[in-house]
Amino acid sequence: MYWEIEIALFVFLIITAILSLYIKDLLTAVVTLSAFSFISALIYIVMGAIDVGFTEAVVGAGVTGIFFIVLIFQTSRRSND
C-alpha cells in the first residue's frame, strides 16, 4: 500500500549504511548509524509493526547512540609515531 515510501526509506537505509562504513570520523559514523536505526524504525512503522518501530527508535537510535557518543568522548586518541 505504501510501497513508494518503503522504497524511499530502503534507499536512504542503504545510503546511511554505506556512509557509516566509509566515514573516518567516529562521531560522524555514530550519527549515521543512529540515522540508520531511526530509518529502520520508520520502515517498521510503515509496515505496521508500531511496537517494534518504537522499540527500535528508543533503543537503536536513542540509547545506543548516546552510549557510543559518551564512549567516544571517554577515550583518548593515541598515535603510533
PDB file of N, CA and C in Angstrom:
ATOM      1  N   MET A   1       0.807  -1.186   0.000  1.00  0.00           N
ATOM      2  CA  MET A   1       0.000   0.000   0.000  1.00  0.00           C
ATOM      3  C   MET A   1       0.856   1.258   0.000  1.00  0.00           C
ATOM      4  N   TYR A   2       1.882   1.268   0.803  1.00  0.00           N
ATOM      5  CA  TYR A   2       2.796   2.410   0.865  1.00  0.00           C
ATOM      6  C   TYR A   2       4.151   2.041   0.272  1.00  0.00           C
ATOM      7  N   TRP A   3       4.148   1.388  -0.863  1.00  0.00           N
ATOM      8  CA  TRP A   3       5.399   0.869  -1.404  1.00  0.00           C
ATOM      9  C   TRP A   3       6.337   1.986  -1.842  1.00  0.00           C
ATOM     10  N   GLU A   4       5.832   3.158  -2.216  1.00  0.00           N
ATOM     11  CA  GLU A   4       6.711   4.262  -2.596  1.00  0.00           C
ATOM     12  C   GLU A   4       7.517   4.757  -1.403  1.00  0.00           C
ATOM     13  N   ILE A   5       6.838   4.857  -0.265  1.00  0.00           N
ATOM     14  CA  ILE A   5       7.526   5.286   0.962  1.00  0.00           C
ATOM     15  C   ILE A   5       8.544   4.237   1.388  1.00  0.00           C
ATOM     16  N   GLU A   6       8.170   2.971   1.285  1.00  0.00           N
ATOM     17  CA  GLU A   6       9.085   1.898   1.674  1.00  0.00           C
ATOM     18  C   GLU A   6      10.335   1.895   0.801  1.00  0.00           C
ATOM     19  N   ILE A   7      10.178   2.087  -0.495  1.00  0.00           N
ATOM     20  CA  ILE A   7      11.335   2.099  -1.395  1.00  0.00           C
ATOM     21  C   ILE A   7      12.246   3.281  -1.078  1.00  0.00           C
ATOM     22  N   ALA A   8      11.652   4.452  -0.840  1.00  0.00           N
ATOM     23  CA  ALA A   8      12.457   5.627  -0.488  1.00  0.00           C
ATOM     24  C   ALA A   8      13.208   5.400   0.816  1.00  0.00           C
ATOM     25  N   LEU A   9      12.552   4.805   1.806  1.00  0.00           N
ATOM     26  CA  LEU A   9      13.219   4.528   3.084  1.00  0.00           C
ATOM     27  C   LEU A   9      14.325   3.490   2.930  1.00  0.00           C
ATOM     28  N   PHE A  10      14.095   2.470   2.093  1.00  0.00           N
ATOM     29  CA  PHE A  10      15.141   1.474   1.852  1.00  0.00           C
ATOM     30  C   PHE A  10      16.356   2.094   1.162  1.00  0.00           C
ATOM     31  N   VAL A  11      16.124   3.025   0.246  1.00  0.00           N
ATOM     32  CA  VAL A  11      17.247   3.705  -0.424  1.00  0.00           C
ATOM     33  C   VAL A  11      18.046   4.527   0.597  1.00  0.00           C
ATOM     34  N   PHE A  12      17.327   5.283   1.449  1.00  0.00           N
ATOM     35  CA  PHE A  12      18.022   6.048   2.489  1.00  0.00           C
ATOM     36  C   PHE A  12      18.740   5.129   3.471  1.00  0.00           C
ATOM     37  N   LEU A  13      18.155   3.964   3.760  1.00  0.00           N
ATOM     38  CA  LEU A  13      18.783   2.999   4.663  1.00  0.00           C
ATOM     39  C   LEU A  13      20.100   2.497   4.084  1.00  0.00           C
ATOM     40  N   ILE A  14      20.120   2.175   2.810  1.00  0.00           N
ATOM     41  CA  ILE A  14      21.344   1.699   2.163  1.00  0.00           C
ATOM     42  C   ILE A  14      22.388   2.813   2.106  1.00  0.00           C
ATOM     43  N   ILE A  15      21.946   4.043   1.836  1.00  0.00           N
ATOM     44  CA  ILE A  15      22.888   5.174   1.783  1.00  0.00           C
ATOM     45  C   ILE A  15      23.539   5.408   3.142  1.00  0.00           C
ATOM     46  N   THR A  16      22.752   5.391   4.217  1.00  0.00           N
ATOM     47  CA  THR A  16      23.343   5.601   5.545  1.00  0.00           C
ATOM     48  C   THR A  16      24.254   4.451   5.947  1.00  0.00           C
ATOM     49  N   ALA A  17      23.921   3.233   5.540  1.00  0.00           N
ATOM     50  CA  ALA A  17      24.788   2.098   5.856  1.00  0.00           C
ATOM     51  C   ALA A  17      26.132   2.228   5.154  1.00  0.00           C
ATOM     52  N   ILE A  18      26.114   2.593   3.889  1.00  0.00           N
ATOM     53  CA  ILE A  18      27.366   2.736   3.136  1.00  0.00           C
ATOM     54  C   ILE A  18      28.176   3.916   3.666  1.00  0.00           C
ATOM     55  N   LEU A  19      27.496   5.018   3.969  1.00  0.00           N
ATOM     56  CA  LEU A  19      28.201   6.182   4.522  1.00  0.00           C
ATOM     57  C   LEU A  19      28.887   5.858   5.844  1.00  0.00           C
ATOM     58  N   SER A  20      28.204   5.137   6.707  1.00  0.00           N
ATOM     59  CA  SER A  20      28.796   4.821   8.008  1.00  0.00           C
ATOM     60  C   SER A  20      30.002   3.903   7.889  1.00  0.00           C
ATOM     61  N   LEU A  21      30.081   3.127   6.816  1.00  0.00           N
ATOM     62  CA  LEU A  21      31.254   2.278   6.617  1.00  0.00           C
ATOM     63  C   LEU A  21      32.477   3.062   6.148  1.00  0.00           C
ATOM     64  N   TYR A  22      32.267   4.110   5.367  1.00  0.00           N
ATOM     65  CA  TYR A  22      33.382   4.829   4.766  1.00  0.00           C
ATOM     66  C   TYR A  22      33.791   6.098   5.506  1.00  0.00           C
ATOM     67  N   ILE A  23      33.072   6.502   6.516  1.00  0.00           N
ATOM     68  CA  ILE A  23      33.404   7.716   7.259  1.00  0.00           C
ATOM     69  C   ILE A  23      34.525   7.408   8.248  1.00  0.00           C
ATOM     70  N   LYS A  24      35.547   8.268   8.270  1.00  0.00           N
ATOM     71  CA  LYS A  24      36.694   8.061   9.161  1.00  0.00           C
ATOM     72  C   LYS A  24      36.474   8.637  10.552  1.00  0.00           C
ATOM     73  N   ASP A  25      35.691   9.696  10.673  1.00  0.00           N
ATOM     74  CA  ASP A  25      35.433  10.316  11.963  1.00  0.00           C
ATOM     75  C   ASP A  25      34.425   9.473  12.743  1.00  0.00           C
ATOM     76  N   LEU A  26      34.778   9.099  13.976  1.00  0.00           N
ATOM     77  CA  LEU A  26      33.931   8.197  14.753  1.00  0.00           C
ATOM     78  C   LEU A  26      32.605   8.827  15.141  1.00  0.00           C
ATOM     79  N   LEU A  27      32.617  10.104  15.487  1.00  0.00           N
ATOM     80  CA  LEU A  27      31.389  10.766  15.898  1.00  0.00           C
ATOM     81  C   LEU A  27      30.392  10.853  14.738  1.00  0.00           C
ATOM     82  N   THR A  28      30.885  11.150  13.565  1.00  0.00           N
ATOM     83  CA  THR A  28      30.017  11.197  12.388  1.00  0.00           C
ATOM     84  C   THR A  28      29.492   9.804  12.043  1.00  0.00           C
ATOM     85  N   ALA A  29      30.311   8.785  12.234  1.00  0.00           N
ATOM     86  CA  ALA A  29      29.860   7.410  11.987  1.00  0.00           C
ATOM     87  C   ALA A  29      28.755   7.016  12.961  1.00  0.00           C
ATOM     88  N   VAL A  30      28.867   7.448  14.208  1.00  0.00           N
ATOM     89  CA  VAL A  30      27.814   7.148  15.189  1.00  0.00           C
ATOM     90  C   VAL A  30      26.512   7.849  14.812  1.00  0.00           C
ATOM     91  N   VAL A  31      26.620   9.077  14.338  1.00  0.00           N
ATOM     92  CA  VAL A  31      25.410   9.806  13.927  1.00  0.00           C
ATOM     93  C   VAL A  31      24.748   9.119  12.742  1.00  0.00           C
ATOM     94  N   THR A  32      25.530   8.657  11.779  1.00  0.00           N
ATOM     95  CA  THR A  32      24.930   7.976  10.630  1.00  0.00           C
ATOM     96  C   THR A  32      24.349   6.611  11.030  1.00  0.00           C
ATOM     97  N   LEU A  33      24.971   5.937  11.997  1.00  0.00           N
ATOM     98  CA  LEU A  33      24.387   4.682  12.480  1.00  0.00           C
ATOM     99  C   LEU A  33      23.094   4.925  13.244  1.00  0.00           C
ATOM    100  N   SER A  34      23.018   6.034  13.969  1.00  0.00           N
ATOM    101  CA  SER A  34      21.763   6.390  14.637  1.00  0.00           C
ATOM    102  C   SER A  34      20.687   6.721  13.609  1.00  0.00           C
ATOM    103  N   ALA A  35      21.077   7.386  12.539  1.00  0.00           N
ATOM    104  CA  ALA A  35      20.122   7.657  11.450  1.00  0.00           C
ATOM    105  C   ALA A  35      19.672   6.351  10.811  1.00  0.00           C
ATOM    106  N   PHE A  36      20.588   5.396  10.662  1.00  0.00           N
ATOM    107  CA  PHE A  36      20.246   4.072  10.139  1.00  0.00           C
ATOM    108  C   PHE A  36      19.185   3.406  11.008  1.00  0.00           C
ATOM    109  N   SER A  37      19.373   3.451  12.325  1.00  0.00           N
ATOM    110  CA  SER A  37      18.406   2.837  13.234  1.00  0.00           C
ATOM    111  C   SER A  37      17.063   3.551  13.178  1.00  0.00           C
ATOM    112  N   PHE A  38      17.093   4.882  13.068  1.00  0.00           N
ATOM    113  CA  PHE A  38      15.844   5.625  13.001  1.00  0.00           C
ATOM    114  C   PHE A  38      15.098   5.339  11.702  1.00  0.00           C
ATOM    115  N   ILE A  39      15.813   5.214  10.601  1.00  0.00           N
ATOM    116  CA  ILE A  39      15.162   4.897   9.327  1.00  0.00           C
ATOM    117  C   ILE A  39      14.585   3.480   9.367  1.00  0.00           C
ATOM    118  N   SER A  40      15.304   2.551   9.989  1.00  0.00           N
ATOM    119  CA  SER A  40      14.747   1.197  10.103  1.00  0.00           C
ATOM    120  C   SER A  40      13.513   1.194  11.003  1.00  0.00           C
ATOM    121  N   ALA A  41      13.488   2.069  12.020  1.00  0.00           N
ATOM    122  CA  ALA A  41      12.287   2.198  12.846  1.00  0.00           C
ATOM    123  C   ALA A  41      11.120   2.727  12.014  1.00  0.00           C
ATOM    124  N   LEU A  42      11.401   3.688  11.128  1.00  0.00           N
ATOM    125  CA  LEU A  42      10.346   4.198  10.248  1.00  0.00           C
ATOM    126  C   LEU A  42       9.835   3.115   9.309  1.00  0.00           C
ATOM    127  N   ILE A  43      10.723   2.258   8.841  1.00  0.00           N
ATOM    128  CA  ILE A  43      10.293   1.151   7.966  1.00  0.00           C
ATOM    129  C   ILE A  43       9.377   0.205   8.726  1.00  0.00           C
ATOM    130  N   TYR A  44       9.722  -0.112   9.974  1.00  0.00           N
ATOM    131  CA  TYR A  44       8.854  -0.970  10.784  1.00  0.00           C
ATOM    132  C   TYR A  44       7.473  -0.339  10.965  1.00  0.00           C
ATOM    133  N   ILE A  45       7.440   0.971  11.199  1.00  0.00           N
ATOM    134  CA  ILE A  45       6.165   1.651  11.419  1.00  0.00           C
ATOM    135  C   ILE A  45       5.327   1.651  10.145  1.00  0.00           C
ATOM    136  N   VAL A  46       5.968   1.900   8.991  1.00  0.00           N
ATOM    137  CA  VAL A  46       5.223   1.891   7.727  1.00  0.00           C
ATOM    138  C   VAL A  46       4.666   0.497   7.436  1.00  0.00           C
ATOM    139  N   MET A  47       5.403  -0.533   7.829  1.00  0.00           N
ATOM    140  CA  MET A  47       4.940  -1.896   7.584  1.00  0.00           C
ATOM    141  C   MET A  47       3.875  -2.354   8.580  1.00  0.00           C
ATOM    142  N   GLY A  48       3.624  -1.539   9.623  1.00  0.00           N
ATOM    143  CA  GLY A  48       2.553  -1.864  10.554  1.00  0.00           C
ATOM    144  C   GLY A  48       2.990  -2.397  11.893  1.00  0.00           C
ATOM    145  N   ALA A  49       4.285  -2.544  12.119  1.00  0.00           N
ATOM    146  CA  ALA A  49       4.777  -3.026  13.410  1.00  0.00           C
ATOM    147  C   ALA A  49       5.142  -1.816  14.282  1.00  0.00           C
ATOM    148  N   ILE A  50       4.117  -1.206  14.849  1.00  0.00           N
ATOM    149  CA  ILE A  50       4.307   0.033  15.605  1.00  0.00           C
ATOM    150  C   ILE A  50       5.166  -0.204  16.846  1.00  0.00           C
ATOM    151  N   ASP A  51       4.912  -1.290  17.569  1.00  0.00           N
ATOM    152  CA  ASP A  51       5.668  -1.552  18.791  1.00  0.00           C
ATOM    153  C   ASP A  51       7.136  -1.839  18.506  1.00  0.00           C
ATOM    154  N   VAL A  52       7.415  -2.566  17.449  1.00  0.00           N
ATOM    155  CA  VAL A  52       8.802  -2.854  17.073  1.00  0.00           C
ATOM    156  C   VAL A  52       9.498  -1.577  16.612  1.00  0.00           C
ATOM    157  N   GLY A  53       8.798  -0.747  15.853  1.00  0.00           N
ATOM    158  CA  GLY A  53       9.363   0.522  15.403  1.00  0.00           C
ATOM    159  C   GLY A  53       9.670   1.451  16.557  1.00  0.00           C
ATOM    160  N   PHE A  54       8.775   1.519  17.531  1.00  0.00           N
ATOM    161  CA  PHE A  54       9.008   2.362  18.701  1.00  0.00           C
ATOM    162  C   PHE A  54      10.208   1.864  19.503  1.00  0.00           C
ATOM    163  N   THR A  55      10.306   0.555  19.677  1.00  0.00           N
ATOM    164  CA  THR A  55      11.437  -0.014  20.414  1.00  0.00           C
ATOM    165  C   THR A  55      12.744   0.237  19.679  1.00  0.00           C
ATOM    166  N   GLU A  56      12.742   0.093  18.367  1.00  0.00           N
ATOM    167  CA  GLU A  56      13.947   0.353  17.580  1.00  0.00           C
ATOM    168  C   GLU A  56      14.350   1.825  17.669  1.00  0.00           C
ATOM    169  N   ALA A  57      13.382   2.713  17.660  1.00  0.00           N
ATOM    170  CA  ALA A  57      13.692   4.145  17.758  1.00  0.00           C
ATOM    171  C   ALA A  57      14.287   4.481  19.113  1.00  0.00           C
ATOM    172  N   VAL A  58      13.743   3.915  20.174  1.00  0.00           N
ATOM    173  CA  VAL A  58      14.234   4.230  21.524  1.00  0.00           C
ATOM    174  C   VAL A  58      15.587   3.585  21.776  1.00  0.00           C
ATOM    175  N   VAL A  59      15.696   2.295  21.504  1.00  0.00           N
ATOM    176  CA  VAL A  59      16.929   1.578  21.817  1.00  0.00           C
ATOM    177  C   VAL A  59      17.993   1.792  20.754  1.00  0.00           C
ATOM    178  N   GLY A  60      17.646   1.582  19.502  1.00  0.00           N
ATOM    179  CA  GLY A  60      18.630   1.650  18.430  1.00  0.00           C
ATOM    180  C   GLY A  60      19.139   3.041  18.153  1.00  0.00           C
ATOM    181  N   ALA A  61      18.228   3.985  17.981  1.00  0.00           N
ATOM    182  CA  ALA A  61      18.641   5.345  17.640  1.00  0.00           C
ATOM    183  C   ALA A  61      18.942   6.172  18.881  1.00  0.00           C
ATOM    184  N   GLY A  62      18.267   5.908  19.973  1.00  0.00           N
ATOM    185  CA  GLY A  62      18.419   6.739  21.155  1.00  0.00           C
ATOM    186  C   GLY A  62      19.520   6.293  22.094  1.00  0.00           C
ATOM    187  N   VAL A  63      19.273   5.209  22.793  1.00  0.00           N
ATOM    188  CA  VAL A  63      20.167   4.771  23.866  1.00  0.00           C
ATOM    189  C   VAL A  63      21.529   4.341  23.335  1.00  0.00           C
ATOM    190  N   THR A  64      21.545   3.554  22.278  1.00  0.00           N
ATOM    191  CA  THR A  64      22.813   3.080  21.732  1.00  0.00           C
ATOM    192  C   THR A  64      23.651   4.232  21.194  1.00  0.00           C
ATOM    193  N   GLY A  65      23.014   5.175  20.515  1.00  0.00           N
ATOM    194  CA  GLY A  65      23.738   6.346  20.014  1.00  0.00           C
ATOM    195  C   GLY A  65      24.336   7.173  21.136  1.00  0.00           C
ATOM    196  N   ILE A  66      23.583   7.374  22.204  1.00  0.00           N
ATOM    197  CA  ILE A  66      24.102   8.130  23.355  1.00  0.00           C
ATOM    198  C   ILE A  66      25.265   7.388  24.006  1.00  0.00           C
ATOM    199  N   PHE A  67      25.141   6.073  24.165  1.00  0.00           N
ATOM    200  CA  PHE A  67      26.245   5.289  24.738  1.00  0.00           C
ATOM    201  C   PHE A  67      27.510   5.405  23.889  1.00  0.00           C
ATOM    202  N   PHE A  68      27.369   5.280  22.582  1.00  0.00           N
ATOM    203  CA  PHE A  68      28.530   5.396  21.700  1.00  0.00           C
ATOM    204  C   PHE A  68      29.165   6.780  21.779  1.00  0.00           C
ATOM    205  N   ILE A  69      28.365   7.826  21.821  1.00  0.00           N
ATOM    206  CA  ILE A  69      28.917   9.185  21.913  1.00  0.00           C
ATOM    207  C   ILE A  69      29.643   9.394  23.231  1.00  0.00           C
ATOM    208  N   VAL A  70      29.073   8.919  24.326  1.00  0.00           N
ATOM    209  CA  VAL A  70      29.748   9.033  25.629  1.00  0.00           C
ATOM    210  C   VAL A  70      31.055   8.265  25.619  1.00  0.00           C
ATOM    211  N   LEU A  71      31.061   7.073  25.040  1.00  0.00           N
ATOM    212  CA  LEU A  71      32.286   6.274  24.990  1.00  0.00           C
ATOM    213  C   LEU A  71      33.354   6.920  24.114  1.00  0.00           C
ATOM    214  N   ILE A  72      32.960   7.556  23.038  1.00  0.00           N
ATOM    215  CA  ILE A  72      33.940   8.249  22.190  1.00  0.00           C
ATOM    216  C   ILE A  72      34.605   9.375  22.963  1.00  0.00           C
ATOM    217  N   PHE A  73      33.817  10.122  23.730  1.00  0.00           N
ATOM    218  CA  PHE A  73      34.396  11.228  24.485  1.00  0.00           C
ATOM    219  C   PHE A  73      35.178  10.766  25.714  1.00  0.00           C
ATOM    220  N   GLN A  74      34.990   9.535  26.163  1.00  0.00           N
ATOM    221  CA  GLN A  74      35.747   8.995  27.296  1.00  0.00           C
ATOM    222  C   GLN A  74      37.099   8.426  26.874  1.00  0.00           C
ATOM    223  N   THR A  75      37.297   8.172  25.616  1.00  0.00           N
ATOM    224  CA  THR A  75      38.566   7.614  25.146  1.00  0.00           C
ATOM    225  C   THR A  75      39.510   8.738  24.750  1.00  0.00           C
ATOM    226  N   SER A  76      40.787   8.400  24.699  1.00  0.00           N
ATOM    227  CA  SER A  76      41.779   9.365  24.256  1.00  0.00           C
ATOM    228  C   SER A  76      42.413   8.854  22.964  1.00  0.00           C
ATOM    229  N   ARG A  77      42.895   9.797  22.182  1.00  0.00           N
ATOM    230  CA  ARG A  77      43.487   9.448  20.900  1.00  0.00           C
ATOM    231  C   ARG A  77      44.987   9.199  21.094  1.00  0.00           C
ATOM    232  N   ARG A  78      45.442   8.062  20.587  1.00  0.00           N
ATOM    233  CA  ARG A  78      46.869   7.734  20.641  1.00  0.00           C
ATOM    234  C   ARG A  78      47.414   7.628  19.246  1.00  0.00           C
ATOM    235  N   SER A  79      48.670   7.971  19.101  1.00  0.00           N
ATOM    236  CA  SER A  79      49.313   7.866  17.807  1.00  0.00           C
ATOM    237  C   SER A  79      50.543   6.984  17.945  1.00  0.00           C
ATOM    238  N   ASN A  80      50.840   6.184  16.944  1.00  0.00           N
ATOM    239  CA  ASN A  80      51.992   5.292  16.971  1.00  0.00           C
ATOM    240  C   ASN A  80      53.169   5.914  16.214  1.00  0.00           C
ATOM    241  N   ASP A  81      53.434   7.162  16.453  1.00  0.00           N
ATOM    242  CA  ASP A  81      54.551   7.834  15.759  1.00  0.00           C
ATOM    243  C   ASP A  81      55.888   7.394  16.283  1.00  0.00           C
TER     244      ASP A  81
END
